[in-house]
Amino acid sequence: MSEKVLSAGDHIASKCTKCKDTTNHTIVALVGEKVARVECNTCGSIHNYRGAAKKKQPASRSTTTAAKSRSLNKAQRDWDELLENAKPEDATAYSMTTPMKEGLLILHPTFGLGQVLNCIRPNKMDVRFQAGIKLLRCKLS
């Protein structure tokens, strides 16, 4: 397969500065074999060749595995400690109308067993579940 050598007057896709989109352009000037200037076939503006717009890839977040394992280990240790000291059969069924207080074990229909960590006025509480800490609505005692 041979690549076509571009020359002035050929058509090429380029990012237009006026249209703010990738449109067809006519090559106006070349520097060596590289396209230098183009004319937009849609709006007629002449500008430097910018090539077709490339799709941006999301930036990858790099977190050290040690930091991840420390946070997971702490959360897992807290959960394991809760299970050692708790009696799941004594847990109160969660309801928004049941009075709650700090330290109470609850049984949530979706999240399962949890412990009330903090009661927030007027009607919210933080609860530690195995999946993490959740903010739930409640009636404070």
C-alpha atoms as a PDB file:
ATOM      1  CA  MET A   1       0.000   0.000   0.000  1.00  0.00           C
ATOM      2  CA  SER A   2       1.345   3.374  -0.907  1.00  0.00           C
ATOM      3  CA  GLU A   3       0.452   6.535   0.942  1.00  0.00           C
ATOM      4  CA  LYS A   4      -0.769   9.426  -1.176  1.00  0.00           C
ATOM      5  CA  VAL A   5       1.614  12.383  -1.119  1.00  0.00           C
ATOM      6  CA  LEU A   6      -0.326  15.518  -0.211  1.00  0.00           C
ATOM      7  CA  SER A   7      -0.075  18.654  -2.320  1.00  0.00           C
ATOM      8  CA  ALA A   8      -1.642  22.123  -2.384  1.00  0.00           C
ATOM      9  CA  GLY A   9      -5.320  21.917  -3.358  1.00  0.00           C
ATOM     10  CA  ASP A  10      -5.916  18.500  -1.779  1.00  0.00           C
ATOM     11  CA  HIS A  11      -8.621  18.043   0.841  1.00  0.00           C
ATOM     12  CA  ILE A  12      -7.830  17.108   4.435  1.00  0.00           C
ATOM     13  CA  ALA A  13      -9.667  17.002   7.780  1.00  0.00           C
ATOM     14  CA  SER A  14      -8.532  19.638  10.276  1.00  0.00           C
ATOM     15  CA  LYS A  15      -9.740  21.360  13.437  1.00  0.00           C
ATOM     16  CA  CYS A  16     -11.131  24.751  12.375  1.00  0.00           C
ATOM     17  CA  THR A  17     -10.486  27.644  14.755  1.00  0.00           C
ATOM     18  CA  LYS A  18     -13.589  29.531  13.632  1.00  0.00           C
ATOM     19  CA  CYS A  19     -16.058  26.609  13.378  1.00  0.00           C
ATOM     20  CA  LYS A  20     -14.655  24.975  16.543  1.00  0.00           C
ATOM     21  CA  ASP A  21     -15.088  21.579  14.909  1.00  0.00           C
ATOM     22  CA  THR A  22     -13.199  19.127  12.728  1.00  0.00           C
ATOM     23  CA  THR A  23     -14.227  19.864   9.140  1.00  0.00           C
ATOM     24  CA  ASN A  24     -12.911  19.358   5.617  1.00  0.00           C
ATOM     25  CA  HIS A  25     -10.206  21.807   4.559  1.00  0.00           C
ATOM     26  CA  THR A  26      -8.248  22.554   1.387  1.00  0.00           C
ATOM     27  CA  ILE A  27      -4.459  22.590   1.700  1.00  0.00           C
ATOM     28  CA  VAL A  28      -3.104  26.088   0.967  1.00  0.00           C
ATOM     29  CA  ALA A  29       0.590  25.762   1.896  1.00  0.00           C
ATOM     30  CA  LEU A  30       3.096  22.990   2.553  1.00  0.00           C
ATOM     31  CA  VAL A  31       6.505  23.096   4.237  1.00  0.00           C
ATOM     32  CA  GLY A  32       8.405  20.197   2.731  1.00  0.00           C
ATOM     33  CA  GLU A  33       5.891  17.354   2.886  1.00  0.00           C
ATOM     34  CA  LYS A  34       4.098  18.712   5.973  1.00  0.00           C
ATOM     35  CA  VAL A  35       0.842  20.625   5.722  1.00  0.00           C
ATOM     36  CA  ALA A  36       1.331  24.187   7.028  1.00  0.00           C
ATOM     37  CA  ARG A  37      -1.841  26.194   6.222  1.00  0.00           C
ATOM     38  CA  VAL A  38      -5.363  25.176   5.290  1.00  0.00           C
ATOM     39  CA  GLU A  39      -8.647  26.836   4.218  1.00  0.00           C
ATOM     40  CA  CYS A  40     -11.901  25.674   5.816  1.00  0.00           C
ATOM     41  CA  ASN A  41     -14.418  24.461   3.214  1.00  0.00           C
ATOM     42  CA  THR A  42     -17.293  25.362   5.575  1.00  0.00           C
ATOM     43  CA  CYS A  43     -16.544  28.925   6.726  1.00  0.00           C
ATOM     44  CA  GLY A  44     -13.686  29.922   4.373  1.00  0.00           C
ATOM     45  CA  SER A  45     -11.195  30.897   7.104  1.00  0.00           C
ATOM     46  CA  ILE A  46      -7.489  30.292   6.495  1.00  0.00           C
ATOM     47  CA  HIS A  47      -5.384  29.103   9.450  1.00  0.00           C
ATOM     48  CA  ASN A  48      -2.479  26.864  10.440  1.00  0.00           C
ATOM     49  CA  TYR A  49      -3.076  23.135  10.070  1.00  0.00           C
ATOM     50  CA  ARG A  50      -4.036  21.554  13.402  1.00  0.00           C
ATOM     51  CA  GLY A  51      -4.855  18.012  12.375  1.00  0.00           C
ATOM     52  CA  ALA A  52      -8.011  16.184  13.334  1.00  0.00           C
ATOM     53  CA  ALA A  53      -9.071  16.604  16.952  1.00  0.00           C
ATOM     54  CA  LYS A  54      -7.801  13.745  19.050  1.00  0.00           C
ATOM     55  CA  LYS A  55     -10.071  12.212  21.637  1.00  0.00           C
ATOM     56  CA  LYS A  56      -8.827  12.949  25.114  1.00  0.00           C
ATOM     57  CA  GLN A  57      -8.294   9.993  27.353  1.00  0.00           C
ATOM     58  CA  PRO A  58      -9.144  10.464  31.009  1.00  0.00           C
ATOM     59  CA  ALA A  59      -6.135  11.120  33.179  1.00  0.00           C
ATOM     60  CA  SER A  60      -5.127   8.080  35.130  1.00  0.00           C
ATOM     61  CA  ARG A  61      -4.955   8.538  38.844  1.00  0.00           C
ATOM     62  CA  SER A  62      -1.927   7.027  40.378  1.00  0.00           C
ATOM     63  CA  THR A  63      -2.227   6.132  44.003  1.00  0.00           C
ATOM     64  CA  THR A  64       0.402   4.094  45.664  1.00  0.00           C
ATOM     65  CA  THR A  65      -0.678   0.602  46.505  1.00  0.00           C
ATOM     66  CA  ALA A  66       0.651   1.125  50.006  1.00  0.00           C
ATOM     67  CA  ALA A  67      -1.768   4.025  50.578  1.00  0.00           C
ATOM     68  CA  LYS A  68      -4.669   1.980  49.214  1.00  0.00           C
ATOM     69  CA  SER A  69      -3.801  -1.040  51.337  1.00  0.00           C
ATOM     70  CA  ARG A  70      -3.394   1.101  54.472  1.00  0.00           C
ATOM     71  CA  SER A  71      -6.830   2.663  54.046  1.00  0.00           C
ATOM     72  CA  LEU A  72      -8.404  -0.689  53.175  1.00  0.00           C
ATOM     73  CA  ASN A  73      -6.656  -2.365  56.057  1.00  0.00           C
ATOM     74  CA  LYS A  74      -7.829   0.320  58.514  1.00  0.00           C
ATOM     75  CA  ALA A  75     -11.425   0.062  57.312  1.00  0.00           C
ATOM     76  CA  GLN A  76     -11.234  -3.722  57.404  1.00  0.00           C
ATOM     77  CA  ARG A  77      -9.674  -3.656  60.898  1.00  0.00           C
ATOM     78  CA  ASP A  78     -12.441  -1.336  62.132  1.00  0.00           C
ATOM     79  CA  TRP A  79     -15.077  -3.646  60.661  1.00  0.00           C
ATOM     80  CA  ASP A  80     -13.440  -6.774  62.126  1.00  0.00           C
ATOM     81  CA  GLU A  81     -13.223  -5.086  65.543  1.00  0.00           C
ATOM     82  CA  LEU A  82     -16.919  -4.202  65.341  1.00  0.00           C
ATOM     83  CA  LEU A  83     -17.844  -7.806  64.549  1.00  0.00           C
ATOM     84  CA  GLU A  84     -15.749  -9.147  67.457  1.00  0.00           C
ATOM     85  CA  ASN A  85     -17.455  -6.902  70.015  1.00  0.00           C
ATOM     86  CA  ALA A  86     -20.974  -7.004  68.578  1.00  0.00           C
ATOM     87  CA  LYS A  87     -23.808  -9.463  68.867  1.00  0.00           C
ATOM     88  CA  PRO A  88     -25.634  -9.368  65.500  1.00  0.00           C
ATOM     89  CA  GLU A  89     -28.730 -10.985  67.002  1.00  0.00           C
ATOM     90  CA  ASP A  90     -29.162  -7.912  69.283  1.00  0.00           C
ATOM     91  CA  ALA A  91     -29.207  -5.473  66.330  1.00  0.00           C
ATOM     92  CA  THR A  92     -32.183  -3.134  65.953  1.00  0.00           C
ATOM     93  CA  ALA A  93     -33.982  -3.162  62.595  1.00  0.00           C
ATOM     94  CA  TYR A  94     -33.369   0.135  60.775  1.00  0.00           C
ATOM     95  CA  SER A  95     -36.315   2.478  60.372  1.00  0.00           C
ATOM     96  CA  MET A  96     -36.396   6.243  59.930  1.00  0.00           C
ATOM     97  CA  THR A  97     -38.913   6.450  62.775  1.00  0.00           C
ATOM     98  CA  THR A  98     -37.005   4.311  65.295  1.00  0.00           C
ATOM     99  CA  PRO A  99     -35.041   6.418  67.825  1.00  0.00           C
ATOM    100  CA  MET A 100     -31.272   5.980  67.350  1.00  0.00           C
ATOM    101  CA  LYS A 101     -28.234   6.779  69.500  1.00  0.00           C
ATOM    102  CA  GLU A 102     -24.461   6.485  69.122  1.00  0.00           C
ATOM    103  CA  GLY A 103     -23.020   2.974  69.458  1.00  0.00           C
ATOM    104  CA  LEU A 104     -26.313   1.239  68.601  1.00  0.00           C
ATOM    105  CA  LEU A 105     -26.146  -1.802  66.300  1.00  0.00           C
ATOM    106  CA  ILE A 106     -28.646  -1.676  63.455  1.00  0.00           C
ATOM    107  CA  LEU A 107     -29.673  -4.079  60.711  1.00  0.00           C
ATOM    108  CA  HIS A 108     -30.291  -2.270  57.426  1.00  0.00           C
ATOM    109  CA  PRO A 109     -32.212  -4.068  54.642  1.00  0.00           C
ATOM    110  CA  THR A 110     -29.659  -3.065  51.966  1.00  0.00           C
ATOM    111  CA  PHE A 111     -26.343  -2.511  53.756  1.00  0.00           C
ATOM    112  CA  GLY A 112     -26.694  -5.196  56.424  1.00  0.00           C
ATOM    113  CA  LEU A 113     -25.222  -4.959  59.926  1.00  0.00           C
ATOM    114  CA  GLY A 114     -23.945  -1.553  61.000  1.00  0.00           C
ATOM    115  CA  GLN A 115     -23.062   0.573  63.999  1.00  0.00           C
ATOM    116  CA  VAL A 116     -24.199   4.160  64.573  1.00  0.00           C
ATOM    117  CA  LEU A 117     -21.063   6.293  64.807  1.00  0.00           C
ATOM    118  CA  ASN A 118     -22.444   9.793  65.112  1.00  0.00           C
ATOM    119  CA  CYS A 119     -25.860  11.404  65.439  1.00  0.00           C
ATOM    120  CA  ILE A 120     -26.253  14.677  63.578  1.00  0.00           C
ATOM    121  CA  ARG A 121     -29.027  17.114  64.430  1.00  0.00           C
ATOM    122  CA  PRO A 122     -31.867  17.262  63.511  1.00  0.00           C
ATOM    123  CA  ASN A 123     -32.429  13.856  61.885  1.00  0.00           C
ATOM    124  CA  LYS A 124     -29.298  12.190  60.464  1.00  0.00           C
ATOM    125  CA  MET A 125     -26.653   9.706  61.557  1.00  0.00           C
ATOM    126  CA  ASP A 126     -23.372   8.252  60.320  1.00  0.00           C
ATOM    127  CA  VAL A 127     -23.371   4.448  60.287  1.00  0.00           C
ATOM    128  CA  ARG A 128     -20.389   2.134  59.690  1.00  0.00           C
ATOM    129  CA  PHE A 129     -21.255  -0.792  57.445  1.00  0.00           C
ATOM    130  CA  GLN A 130     -18.919  -3.300  55.842  1.00  0.00           C
ATOM    131  CA  ALA A 131     -19.262  -1.310  52.581  1.00  0.00           C
ATOM    132  CA  GLY A 132     -18.170   1.895  54.358  1.00  0.00           C
ATOM    133  CA  ILE A 133     -19.664   4.779  56.310  1.00  0.00           C
ATOM    134  CA  LYS A 134     -23.125   5.892  55.158  1.00  0.00           C
ATOM    135  CA  LEU A 135     -25.233   8.913  56.106  1.00  0.00           C
ATOM    136  CA  LEU A 136     -28.782   7.822  56.955  1.00  0.00           C
ATOM    137  CA  ARG A 137     -31.917   9.527  58.089  1.00  0.00           C
ATOM    138  CA  CYS A 138     -33.233   8.726  61.557  1.00  0.00           C
ATOM    139  CA  LYS A 139     -35.142   9.890  64.604  1.00  0.00           C
ATOM    140  CA  LEU A 140     -32.803  10.892  67.403  1.00  0.00           C
ATOM    141  CA  SER A 141     -33.498   9.681  70.904  1.00  0.00           C
END
